[in-house]
């Protein structure tokens, strides 16, 4: 199966499906052998974070705060695809739904508060429908003119206003704007004339 890289195709084709059960994030006790039922894990400097069914965490006597519903986006997204996480996070944040994202080899997975799962599925279905109904975007190449630069910087600021990592508004000017501004100001930057 070929992984999809085109953002509009990813959004149009994503089919969000909720797994059964409730899931929690747990800081795994240091030195304890891993148990069955762990669905995901991330090693950090502070320890090993695991995601597992709530019932398993309760059985093991492990503490947790966040209880989530697990939603899988049923489309094979390429690990190098750009924008899927940002678009999904933005749609959910606009609906005021917390979202924790896990990327697997084949699919992206979201953990949202259990009470918000039905609304999250609606928001994701609406996002997919909007992209199915949207005309295919054509790639347009053109030369950049110095008079375009402020508009390009403003568009870049808008594009990166929501953090793809957290889904929350980015504080201050996005770093991408500063990088683009530095490129425009560099002597080596010589756009072709129109």
N, C-alpha and C. Protein backbone atom coordinates (compact mmCIF):
# COMPACT_ATOMS: atom_id res chain seq x y z
N UNK A 1 0.85 -1.18 0.00
CA UNK A 1 0.00 0.00 0.00
C UNK A 1 0.89 1.24 0.00
N UNK A 2 0.66 2.15 -0.94
CA UNK A 2 1.44 3.37 -1.04
C UNK A 2 0.91 4.41 -0.07
N UNK A 3 1.82 5.05 0.63
CA UNK A 3 1.43 6.09 1.58
C UNK A 3 1.10 7.38 0.84
N UNK A 4 0.10 8.10 1.32
CA UNK A 4 -0.35 9.36 0.71
C UNK A 4 0.43 10.53 1.29
N UNK A 5 0.83 11.46 0.40
CA UNK A 5 1.55 12.65 0.85
C UNK A 5 0.76 13.93 0.62
N UNK A 6 -0.19 13.92 -0.31
CA UNK A 6 -0.95 15.12 -0.65
C UNK A 6 -1.92 15.46 0.48
N UNK A 7 -1.80 16.69 1.03
CA UNK A 7 -2.61 17.07 2.18
C UNK A 7 -4.10 17.01 1.90
N UNK A 8 -4.54 17.54 0.76
CA UNK A 8 -5.98 17.53 0.49
C UNK A 8 -6.49 16.10 0.35
N UNK A 9 -5.72 15.22 -0.29
CA UNK A 9 -6.12 13.82 -0.41
C UNK A 9 -6.16 13.15 0.96
N UNK A 10 -5.18 13.47 1.82
CA UNK A 10 -5.18 12.90 3.16
C UNK A 10 -6.42 13.32 3.94
N UNK A 11 -6.72 14.62 3.90
CA UNK A 11 -7.88 15.12 4.65
C UNK A 11 -9.18 14.58 4.06
N UNK A 12 -9.28 14.54 2.74
CA UNK A 12 -10.50 14.06 2.09
C UNK A 12 -10.73 12.57 2.35
N UNK A 13 -9.64 11.82 2.42
CA UNK A 13 -9.75 10.38 2.54
C UNK A 13 -9.67 9.83 3.95
N UNK A 14 -9.38 10.70 4.92
CA UNK A 14 -9.25 10.17 6.28
C UNK A 14 -10.61 9.71 6.77
N UNK A 15 -10.62 8.59 7.38
CA UNK A 15 -11.85 8.01 7.92
C UNK A 15 -11.60 7.76 9.40
N UNK A 16 -12.03 8.69 10.27
CA UNK A 16 -11.76 8.53 11.70
C UNK A 16 -12.60 7.42 12.32
N UNK A 17 -11.93 6.53 13.04
CA UNK A 17 -12.60 5.41 13.70
C UNK A 17 -12.17 5.38 15.16
N UNK A 18 -13.13 5.27 16.05
CA UNK A 18 -12.83 5.22 17.49
C UNK A 18 -12.65 3.77 17.93
N UNK A 19 -11.54 3.51 18.62
CA UNK A 19 -11.31 2.19 19.21
C UNK A 19 -12.22 2.02 20.42
N UNK A 20 -12.48 0.79 20.76
CA UNK A 20 -13.24 0.50 21.98
C UNK A 20 -12.40 0.85 23.20
N UNK A 21 -13.04 1.27 24.25
CA UNK A 21 -12.38 1.45 25.53
C UNK A 21 -11.87 2.85 25.78
N UNK A 22 -11.25 2.98 26.95
CA UNK A 22 -10.67 4.24 27.40
C UNK A 22 -9.18 4.02 27.59
N UNK A 23 -8.38 5.05 27.27
CA UNK A 23 -6.92 4.93 27.30
C UNK A 23 -6.32 6.02 28.18
N UNK A 24 -5.20 5.69 28.82
CA UNK A 24 -4.54 6.63 29.73
C UNK A 24 -3.04 6.68 29.42
N UNK A 25 -2.45 7.82 29.79
CA UNK A 25 -1.00 8.00 29.74
C UNK A 25 -0.46 7.72 31.14
N UNK A 26 0.60 6.90 31.21
CA UNK A 26 1.18 6.51 32.50
C UNK A 26 2.70 6.64 32.40
N UNK A 27 3.30 7.17 33.44
CA UNK A 27 4.75 7.14 33.55
C UNK A 27 5.09 5.77 34.13
N UNK A 28 5.72 4.91 33.32
CA UNK A 28 5.96 3.52 33.72
C UNK A 28 7.00 3.48 34.85
N UNK A 29 6.73 2.72 35.90
CA UNK A 29 7.67 2.64 37.02
C UNK A 29 9.03 2.11 36.57
N UNK A 30 10.08 2.83 36.93
CA UNK A 30 11.44 2.46 36.55
C UNK A 30 11.77 1.06 37.08
N UNK A 31 12.30 0.23 36.20
CA UNK A 31 12.71 -1.12 36.60
C UNK A 31 11.62 -2.16 36.54
N UNK A 32 10.36 -1.76 36.42
CA UNK A 32 9.27 -2.74 36.34
C UNK A 32 9.24 -3.31 34.92
N UNK A 33 9.15 -4.63 34.77
CA UNK A 33 9.05 -5.22 33.42
C UNK A 33 7.78 -4.72 32.73
N UNK A 34 7.88 -4.53 31.43
CA UNK A 34 6.72 -4.07 30.67
C UNK A 34 5.62 -5.12 30.72
N UNK A 35 4.39 -4.66 30.78
CA UNK A 35 3.23 -5.55 30.88
C UNK A 35 2.50 -5.61 29.54
N UNK A 36 1.68 -6.60 29.41
CA UNK A 36 0.83 -6.71 28.21
C UNK A 36 -0.15 -5.55 28.20
N UNK A 37 -0.61 -5.20 27.04
CA UNK A 37 -1.63 -4.17 26.93
C UNK A 37 -1.10 -2.79 26.60
N UNK A 38 0.21 -2.60 26.61
CA UNK A 38 0.76 -1.28 26.26
C UNK A 38 0.53 -1.06 24.77
N UNK A 39 -0.10 0.05 24.43
CA UNK A 39 -0.44 0.35 23.04
C UNK A 39 0.57 1.27 22.37
N UNK A 40 1.27 2.10 23.15
CA UNK A 40 2.27 3.03 22.61
C UNK A 40 3.22 3.40 23.74
N UNK A 41 4.44 3.79 23.36
CA UNK A 41 5.42 4.18 24.36
C UNK A 41 6.35 5.24 23.79
N UNK A 42 6.79 6.14 24.66
CA UNK A 42 7.75 7.18 24.30
C UNK A 42 8.78 7.27 25.41
N UNK A 43 10.05 7.12 25.05
CA UNK A 43 11.13 7.25 26.03
C UNK A 43 11.54 8.72 26.08
N UNK A 44 11.52 9.29 27.28
CA UNK A 44 11.95 10.67 27.52
C UNK A 44 13.04 10.65 28.56
N UNK A 45 13.72 11.77 28.72
CA UNK A 45 14.77 11.86 29.74
C UNK A 45 14.21 11.55 31.12
N UNK A 46 12.93 11.92 31.35
CA UNK A 46 12.32 11.74 32.68
C UNK A 46 11.81 10.31 32.90
N UNK A 47 11.74 9.50 31.87
CA UNK A 47 11.25 8.14 32.03
C UNK A 47 10.49 7.67 30.81
N UNK A 48 9.84 6.52 30.95
CA UNK A 48 9.08 5.91 29.85
C UNK A 48 7.60 6.21 30.04
N UNK A 49 7.01 6.89 29.06
CA UNK A 49 5.57 7.15 29.05
C UNK A 49 4.92 6.06 28.21
N UNK A 50 3.87 5.45 28.75
CA UNK A 50 3.14 4.44 27.98
C UNK A 50 1.67 4.84 27.91
N UNK A 51 1.03 4.39 26.84
CA UNK A 51 -0.41 4.55 26.68
C UNK A 51 -0.98 3.14 26.72
N UNK A 52 -1.96 2.95 27.60
CA UNK A 52 -2.56 1.64 27.73
C UNK A 52 -4.02 1.78 28.12
N UNK A 53 -4.78 0.69 27.99
CA UNK A 53 -6.18 0.77 28.40
C UNK A 53 -6.30 1.13 29.88
N UNK A 54 -7.29 1.92 30.17
CA UNK A 54 -7.52 2.36 31.55
C UNK A 54 -7.68 1.17 32.49
N UNK A 55 -8.40 0.15 32.03
CA UNK A 55 -8.63 -1.03 32.87
C UNK A 55 -7.31 -1.70 33.23
N UNK A 56 -6.37 -1.73 32.29
CA UNK A 56 -5.05 -2.33 32.57
C UNK A 56 -4.27 -1.49 33.57
N UNK A 57 -4.32 -0.17 33.42
CA UNK A 57 -3.64 0.71 34.38
C UNK A 57 -4.23 0.52 35.78
N UNK A 58 -5.55 0.42 35.86
CA UNK A 58 -6.19 0.19 37.16
C UNK A 58 -5.76 -1.15 37.75
N UNK A 59 -5.71 -2.18 36.91
CA UNK A 59 -5.31 -3.51 37.36
C UNK A 59 -3.88 -3.50 37.90
N UNK A 60 -3.02 -2.68 37.28
CA UNK A 60 -1.61 -2.61 37.68
C UNK A 60 -1.39 -1.62 38.83
N UNK A 61 -2.45 -0.88 39.22
CA UNK A 61 -2.31 0.10 40.29
C UNK A 61 -1.50 1.33 39.88
N UNK A 62 -1.56 1.69 38.60
CA UNK A 62 -0.80 2.83 38.09
C UNK A 62 -1.66 4.09 38.09
N UNK A 63 -1.06 5.22 38.42
CA UNK A 63 -1.82 6.47 38.47
C UNK A 63 -1.78 7.18 37.12
N UNK A 64 -2.83 7.95 36.87
CA UNK A 64 -2.97 8.70 35.61
C UNK A 64 -3.92 9.86 35.86
N UNK A 65 -3.88 10.82 34.96
CA UNK A 65 -4.79 11.97 35.03
C UNK A 65 -5.72 11.98 33.82
N UNK A 66 -5.15 11.97 32.64
CA UNK A 66 -5.91 12.09 31.40
C UNK A 66 -6.52 10.75 31.01
N UNK A 67 -7.83 10.74 30.75
CA UNK A 67 -8.52 9.55 30.24
C UNK A 67 -9.05 9.90 28.86
N UNK A 68 -8.59 9.16 27.86
CA UNK A 68 -8.94 9.52 26.50
C UNK A 68 -9.61 8.43 25.70
N UNK A 69 -10.27 8.89 24.65
CA UNK A 69 -10.79 8.00 23.62
C UNK A 69 -9.75 7.99 22.51
N UNK A 70 -9.53 6.84 21.90
CA UNK A 70 -8.51 6.67 20.87
C UNK A 70 -9.20 6.68 19.51
N UNK A 71 -8.81 7.65 18.67
CA UNK A 71 -9.36 7.76 17.32
C UNK A 71 -8.22 7.53 16.34
N UNK A 72 -8.43 6.62 15.39
CA UNK A 72 -7.45 6.36 14.34
C UNK A 72 -7.95 6.96 13.04
N UNK A 73 -7.07 7.70 12.37
CA UNK A 73 -7.39 8.24 11.04
C UNK A 73 -7.06 7.15 10.03
N UNK A 74 -8.09 6.52 9.50
CA UNK A 74 -7.90 5.38 8.62
C UNK A 74 -7.50 5.81 7.21
N UNK A 75 -6.32 6.37 7.09
CA UNK A 75 -5.71 6.62 5.79
C UNK A 75 -4.22 6.43 5.99
N UNK A 76 -3.57 5.81 5.01
CA UNK A 76 -2.14 5.53 5.13
C UNK A 76 -1.36 6.79 4.79
N UNK A 77 -1.00 7.55 5.82
CA UNK A 77 -0.28 8.80 5.63
C UNK A 77 1.22 8.53 5.60
N UNK A 78 1.90 9.17 4.67
CA UNK A 78 3.35 9.07 4.58
C UNK A 78 3.96 9.79 5.78
N UNK A 79 5.01 9.23 6.34
CA UNK A 79 5.65 9.86 7.49
C UNK A 79 6.25 11.21 7.14
N UNK A 80 6.45 11.50 5.85
CA UNK A 80 6.98 12.79 5.42
C UNK A 80 5.90 13.73 4.90
N UNK A 81 4.63 13.33 5.03
CA UNK A 81 3.54 14.21 4.60
C UNK A 81 3.50 15.45 5.48
N UNK A 82 3.24 16.58 4.87
CA UNK A 82 3.26 17.86 5.59
C UNK A 82 1.83 18.38 5.78
N UNK A 83 1.47 18.71 7.03
CA UNK A 83 0.25 19.45 7.29
C UNK A 83 -0.92 18.69 7.88
N UNK A 84 -0.90 17.35 7.85
CA UNK A 84 -2.06 16.61 8.36
C UNK A 84 -2.26 16.87 9.85
N UNK A 85 -1.21 16.72 10.63
CA UNK A 85 -1.33 16.94 12.07
C UNK A 85 -1.78 18.36 12.37
N UNK A 86 -1.21 19.33 11.65
CA UNK A 86 -1.57 20.73 11.88
C UNK A 86 -3.04 20.98 11.54
N UNK A 87 -3.51 20.44 10.41
CA UNK A 87 -4.91 20.66 10.00
C UNK A 87 -5.88 20.02 10.98
N UNK A 88 -5.58 18.80 11.41
CA UNK A 88 -6.46 18.10 12.35
C UNK A 88 -6.44 18.80 13.70
N UNK A 89 -5.24 19.18 14.17
CA UNK A 89 -5.13 19.88 15.46
C UNK A 89 -5.87 21.20 15.43
N UNK A 90 -5.75 21.91 14.30
CA UNK A 90 -6.43 23.21 14.18
C UNK A 90 -7.94 23.04 14.24
N UNK A 91 -8.47 22.08 13.50
CA UNK A 91 -9.92 21.85 13.49
C UNK A 91 -10.42 21.49 14.89
N UNK A 92 -9.69 20.63 15.58
CA UNK A 92 -10.11 20.24 16.93
C UNK A 92 -9.94 21.37 17.93
N UNK A 93 -8.86 22.15 17.79
CA UNK A 93 -8.67 23.26 18.73
C UNK A 93 -9.74 24.33 18.52
N UNK A 94 -10.15 24.56 17.28
CA UNK A 94 -11.24 25.51 17.02
C UNK A 94 -12.55 25.04 17.65
N UNK A 95 -12.70 23.72 17.78
CA UNK A 95 -13.88 23.15 18.45
C UNK A 95 -13.66 23.01 19.95
N UNK A 96 -12.50 23.50 20.43
CA UNK A 96 -12.12 23.48 21.85
C UNK A 96 -12.01 22.06 22.39
N UNK A 97 -11.41 21.18 21.57
CA UNK A 97 -11.20 19.79 21.95
C UNK A 97 -9.70 19.53 22.08
N UNK A 98 -9.29 19.05 23.25
CA UNK A 98 -7.89 18.68 23.49
C UNK A 98 -7.56 17.48 22.61
N UNK A 99 -6.34 17.47 22.07
CA UNK A 99 -5.95 16.38 21.18
C UNK A 99 -4.48 16.05 21.39
N UNK A 100 -4.20 14.80 21.68
CA UNK A 100 -2.83 14.30 21.75
C UNK A 100 -2.63 13.37 20.56
N UNK A 101 -1.57 13.62 19.78
CA UNK A 101 -1.35 12.91 18.52
C UNK A 101 -0.23 11.89 18.66
N UNK A 102 -0.45 10.69 18.13
CA UNK A 102 0.56 9.65 18.01
C UNK A 102 0.65 9.27 16.54
N UNK A 103 1.85 9.24 16.00
CA UNK A 103 2.02 8.83 14.60
C UNK A 103 2.55 7.41 14.57
N UNK A 104 1.85 6.55 13.85
CA UNK A 104 2.32 5.20 13.60
C UNK A 104 2.87 5.12 12.18
N UNK A 105 3.39 3.98 11.81
CA UNK A 105 3.95 3.81 10.47
C UNK A 105 2.88 3.99 9.40
N UNK A 106 1.67 3.48 9.66
CA UNK A 106 0.61 3.54 8.65
C UNK A 106 -0.42 4.64 8.89
N UNK A 107 -0.70 4.95 10.15
CA UNK A 107 -1.80 5.87 10.45
C UNK A 107 -1.42 6.86 11.54
N UNK A 108 -2.21 7.93 11.62
CA UNK A 108 -2.10 8.87 12.73
C UNK A 108 -3.23 8.55 13.71
N UNK A 109 -2.92 8.71 14.99
CA UNK A 109 -3.85 8.36 16.05
C UNK A 109 -4.02 9.56 16.97
N UNK A 110 -5.24 9.78 17.44
CA UNK A 110 -5.55 10.91 18.30
C UNK A 110 -6.15 10.39 19.59
N UNK A 111 -5.73 10.98 20.69
CA UNK A 111 -6.38 10.71 21.97
C UNK A 111 -7.04 12.00 22.41
N UNK A 112 -8.35 11.94 22.55
CA UNK A 112 -9.15 13.10 22.95
C UNK A 112 -9.90 12.74 24.23
N UNK A 113 -10.31 13.73 25.03
CA UNK A 113 -11.08 13.40 26.22
C UNK A 113 -12.30 12.54 25.86
N UNK A 114 -12.59 11.54 26.66
CA UNK A 114 -13.67 10.61 26.37
C UNK A 114 -14.98 11.33 26.10
N UNK A 115 -15.30 12.32 26.90
CA UNK A 115 -16.57 13.04 26.73
C UNK A 115 -16.64 13.79 25.40
N UNK A 116 -15.48 14.15 24.84
CA UNK A 116 -15.43 14.91 23.58
C UNK A 116 -15.34 14.03 22.35
N UNK A 117 -15.24 12.71 22.50
CA UNK A 117 -15.04 11.83 21.36
C UNK A 117 -16.14 11.95 20.29
N UNK A 118 -17.43 11.96 20.66
CA UNK A 118 -18.45 12.08 19.61
C UNK A 118 -18.31 13.38 18.80
N UNK A 119 -18.06 14.49 19.48
CA UNK A 119 -17.89 15.78 18.79
C UNK A 119 -16.61 15.77 17.95
N UNK A 120 -15.54 15.16 18.45
CA UNK A 120 -14.29 15.08 17.70
C UNK A 120 -14.51 14.31 16.39
N UNK A 121 -15.25 13.22 16.46
CA UNK A 121 -15.55 12.45 15.25
C UNK A 121 -16.34 13.29 14.25
N UNK A 122 -17.29 14.10 14.74
CA UNK A 122 -18.06 15.00 13.87
C UNK A 122 -17.15 16.03 13.21
N UNK A 123 -16.28 16.66 14.00
CA UNK A 123 -15.37 17.69 13.48
C UNK A 123 -14.47 17.10 12.40
N UNK A 124 -13.94 15.91 12.65
CA UNK A 124 -13.05 15.26 11.67
C UNK A 124 -13.81 14.87 10.41
N UNK A 125 -15.04 14.40 10.57
CA UNK A 125 -15.85 14.05 9.40
C UNK A 125 -16.17 15.30 8.57
N UNK A 126 -16.44 16.42 9.25
CA UNK A 126 -16.70 17.68 8.54
C UNK A 126 -15.45 18.15 7.80
N UNK A 127 -14.29 18.02 8.42
CA UNK A 127 -13.03 18.40 7.78
C UNK A 127 -12.78 17.55 6.54
N UNK A 128 -13.03 16.26 6.64
CA UNK A 128 -12.87 15.37 5.48
C UNK A 128 -13.84 15.75 4.37
N UNK A 129 -15.09 16.01 4.73
CA UNK A 129 -16.10 16.36 3.72
C UNK A 129 -15.75 17.66 3.00
N UNK A 130 -15.27 18.66 3.76
CA UNK A 130 -14.88 19.93 3.12
C UNK A 130 -13.78 19.72 2.09
N UNK A 131 -12.87 18.82 2.37
CA UNK A 131 -11.77 18.58 1.45
C UNK A 131 -12.16 17.69 0.28
N UNK A 132 -13.18 16.84 0.46
CA UNK A 132 -13.69 16.06 -0.66
C UNK A 132 -14.44 16.96 -1.63
N UNK A 133 -15.15 17.96 -1.08
CA UNK A 133 -15.96 18.86 -1.90
C UNK A 133 -15.15 19.98 -2.52
N UNK A 134 -13.96 20.22 -2.02
CA UNK A 134 -13.14 21.33 -2.52
C UNK A 134 -12.54 20.96 -3.87
N UNK A 135 -12.46 21.93 -4.77
CA UNK A 135 -11.81 21.64 -6.04
C UNK A 135 -10.34 21.32 -5.81
N UNK A 136 -9.78 20.46 -6.65
CA UNK A 136 -8.37 20.13 -6.53
C UNK A 136 -7.54 21.40 -6.70
N UNK A 137 -6.58 21.55 -5.83
CA UNK A 137 -5.74 22.74 -5.88
C UNK A 137 -4.66 22.56 -6.93
N UNK A 138 -4.53 23.54 -7.79
CA UNK A 138 -3.49 23.49 -8.79
C UNK A 138 -2.24 24.17 -8.23
N UNK A 139 -1.10 23.60 -8.58
CA UNK A 139 0.16 24.19 -8.18
C UNK A 139 0.48 25.31 -9.16
N UNK A 140 0.69 26.50 -8.63
CA UNK A 140 1.00 27.64 -9.47
C UNK A 140 2.38 28.15 -9.11
N UNK A 141 3.27 28.14 -10.08
CA UNK A 141 4.61 28.66 -9.87
C UNK A 141 4.70 30.04 -10.50
N UNK A 142 5.28 30.95 -9.78
CA UNK A 142 5.50 32.27 -10.34
C UNK A 142 6.68 32.89 -9.63
N UNK A 143 7.20 33.91 -10.22
CA UNK A 143 8.33 34.60 -9.61
C UNK A 143 7.84 35.45 -8.45
N UNK A 144 8.70 35.59 -7.46
CA UNK A 144 8.40 36.44 -6.31
C UNK A 144 9.01 37.81 -6.58
N UNK A 145 8.24 38.83 -6.30
CA UNK A 145 8.72 40.20 -6.47
C UNK A 145 8.90 40.82 -5.09
N UNK A 146 9.87 41.73 -4.95
CA UNK A 146 10.06 42.38 -3.64
C UNK A 146 8.78 42.99 -3.09
N UNK A 147 7.89 43.46 -3.95
CA UNK A 147 6.64 44.05 -3.46
C UNK A 147 5.70 43.01 -2.85
N UNK A 148 5.96 41.72 -3.12
CA UNK A 148 5.13 40.64 -2.58
C UNK A 148 5.55 40.21 -1.18
N UNK A 149 6.72 40.62 -0.74
CA UNK A 149 7.33 40.03 0.44
C UNK A 149 6.50 40.20 1.71
N UNK A 150 5.93 41.36 1.95
CA UNK A 150 5.13 41.55 3.17
C UNK A 150 3.91 40.64 3.17
N UNK A 151 3.28 40.48 2.01
CA UNK A 151 2.12 39.57 1.92
C UNK A 151 2.55 38.13 2.14
N UNK A 152 3.71 37.75 1.63
CA UNK A 152 4.23 36.40 1.82
C UNK A 152 4.53 36.16 3.31
N UNK A 153 5.14 37.14 3.96
CA UNK A 153 5.43 37.01 5.39
C UNK A 153 4.15 36.90 6.21
N UNK A 154 3.14 37.68 5.84
CA UNK A 154 1.86 37.62 6.57
C UNK A 154 1.19 36.26 6.37
N UNK A 155 1.24 35.75 5.15
CA UNK A 155 0.66 34.44 4.86
C UNK A 155 1.40 33.34 5.63
N UNK A 156 2.72 33.45 5.70
CA UNK A 156 3.52 32.48 6.45
C UNK A 156 3.18 32.55 7.94
N UNK A 157 3.02 33.76 8.48
CA UNK A 157 2.65 33.91 9.89
C UNK A 157 1.30 33.25 10.17
N UNK A 158 0.35 33.41 9.26
CA UNK A 158 -0.97 32.80 9.43
C UNK A 158 -0.88 31.28 9.35
N UNK A 159 -0.07 30.78 8.41
CA UNK A 159 0.06 29.33 8.23
C UNK A 159 0.65 28.65 9.46
N UNK A 160 1.53 29.36 10.17
CA UNK A 160 2.20 28.76 11.33
C UNK A 160 1.69 29.34 12.66
N UNK A 161 0.50 29.93 12.65
CA UNK A 161 -0.06 30.53 13.86
C UNK A 161 -0.46 29.47 14.90
N UNK A 162 -0.75 28.25 14.44
CA UNK A 162 -1.11 27.15 15.33
C UNK A 162 0.05 26.18 15.36
N UNK A 163 0.53 25.85 16.53
CA UNK A 163 1.65 24.91 16.67
C UNK A 163 1.22 23.52 16.24
N UNK A 164 1.93 22.89 15.28
CA UNK A 164 1.58 21.52 14.90
C UNK A 164 1.86 20.52 16.02
N UNK A 165 2.73 20.89 16.93
CA UNK A 165 3.06 19.98 18.04
C UNK A 165 1.98 19.96 19.10
N UNK A 166 1.41 21.14 19.42
CA UNK A 166 0.44 21.21 20.52
C UNK A 166 -0.98 21.48 20.06
N UNK A 167 -1.13 22.03 18.85
CA UNK A 167 -2.46 22.41 18.38
C UNK A 167 -2.95 23.70 19.00
N UNK A 168 -2.07 24.38 19.73
CA UNK A 168 -2.43 25.64 20.39
C UNK A 168 -1.83 26.81 19.63
N UNK A 169 -2.38 28.01 19.82
CA UNK A 169 -1.80 29.18 19.16
C UNK A 169 -0.33 29.35 19.54
N UNK A 170 0.50 29.62 18.53
CA UNK A 170 1.93 29.84 18.77
C UNK A 170 2.11 31.23 19.38
N UNK A 171 2.99 31.35 20.33
CA UNK A 171 3.26 32.64 20.96
C UNK A 171 4.24 33.45 20.14
N UNK A 172 3.95 34.70 19.90
CA UNK A 172 4.86 35.58 19.17
C UNK A 172 4.92 35.23 17.70
N UNK A 173 5.94 35.78 17.05
CA UNK A 173 6.11 35.55 15.62
C UNK A 173 6.66 34.14 15.38
N UNK A 174 6.03 33.36 14.50
CA UNK A 174 6.54 32.02 14.22
C UNK A 174 7.97 32.09 13.68
N UNK A 175 8.79 31.13 14.06
CA UNK A 175 10.19 31.10 13.63
C UNK A 175 10.30 31.06 12.11
N UNK A 176 9.34 30.44 11.44
CA UNK A 176 9.37 30.34 9.98
C UNK A 176 9.34 31.72 9.32
N UNK A 177 8.66 32.68 9.94
CA UNK A 177 8.60 34.05 9.40
C UNK A 177 9.99 34.69 9.47
N UNK A 178 10.65 34.52 10.60
CA UNK A 178 12.00 35.06 10.75
C UNK A 178 12.97 34.46 9.75
N UNK A 179 12.86 33.15 9.52
CA UNK A 179 13.73 32.50 8.55
C UNK A 179 13.49 33.02 7.13
N UNK A 180 12.23 33.19 6.79
CA UNK A 180 11.89 33.70 5.46
C UNK A 180 12.34 35.15 5.30
N UNK A 181 12.17 35.94 6.34
CA UNK A 181 12.63 37.33 6.30
C UNK A 181 14.15 37.38 6.10
N UNK A 182 14.89 36.51 6.80
CA UNK A 182 16.35 36.45 6.66
C UNK A 182 16.73 36.04 5.24
N UNK A 183 15.97 35.13 4.66
CA UNK A 183 16.23 34.73 3.27
C UNK A 183 16.03 35.92 2.33
N UNK A 184 14.93 36.64 2.51
CA UNK A 184 14.67 37.81 1.66
C UNK A 184 15.79 38.85 1.77
N UNK A 185 16.37 38.99 2.97
CA UNK A 185 17.39 40.00 3.20
C UNK A 185 18.80 39.56 2.80
N UNK A 186 18.98 38.27 2.52
CA UNK A 186 20.31 37.75 2.19
C UNK A 186 20.76 38.23 0.81
N UNK A 187 22.04 38.60 0.70
CA UNK A 187 22.58 39.03 -0.58
C UNK A 187 22.51 37.92 -1.62
N UNK A 188 22.64 36.67 -1.16
CA UNK A 188 22.65 35.53 -2.08
C UNK A 188 21.26 35.23 -2.66
N UNK A 189 20.21 35.81 -2.06
CA UNK A 189 18.85 35.54 -2.52
C UNK A 189 18.54 36.43 -3.72
N UNK A 190 18.46 35.80 -4.85
CA UNK A 190 18.19 36.55 -6.09
C UNK A 190 17.05 35.88 -6.83
N UNK A 191 15.81 36.25 -6.57
CA UNK A 191 14.68 35.63 -7.29
C UNK A 191 14.75 35.97 -8.77
N UNK A 192 14.29 35.05 -9.58
CA UNK A 192 14.25 35.33 -11.01
C UNK A 192 13.23 36.40 -11.27
N UNK A 193 13.47 37.19 -12.27
CA UNK A 193 12.51 38.25 -12.61
C UNK A 193 11.35 37.67 -13.39
N UNK A 194 10.20 38.33 -13.29
CA UNK A 194 8.98 37.84 -13.95
C UNK A 194 9.09 38.02 -15.45
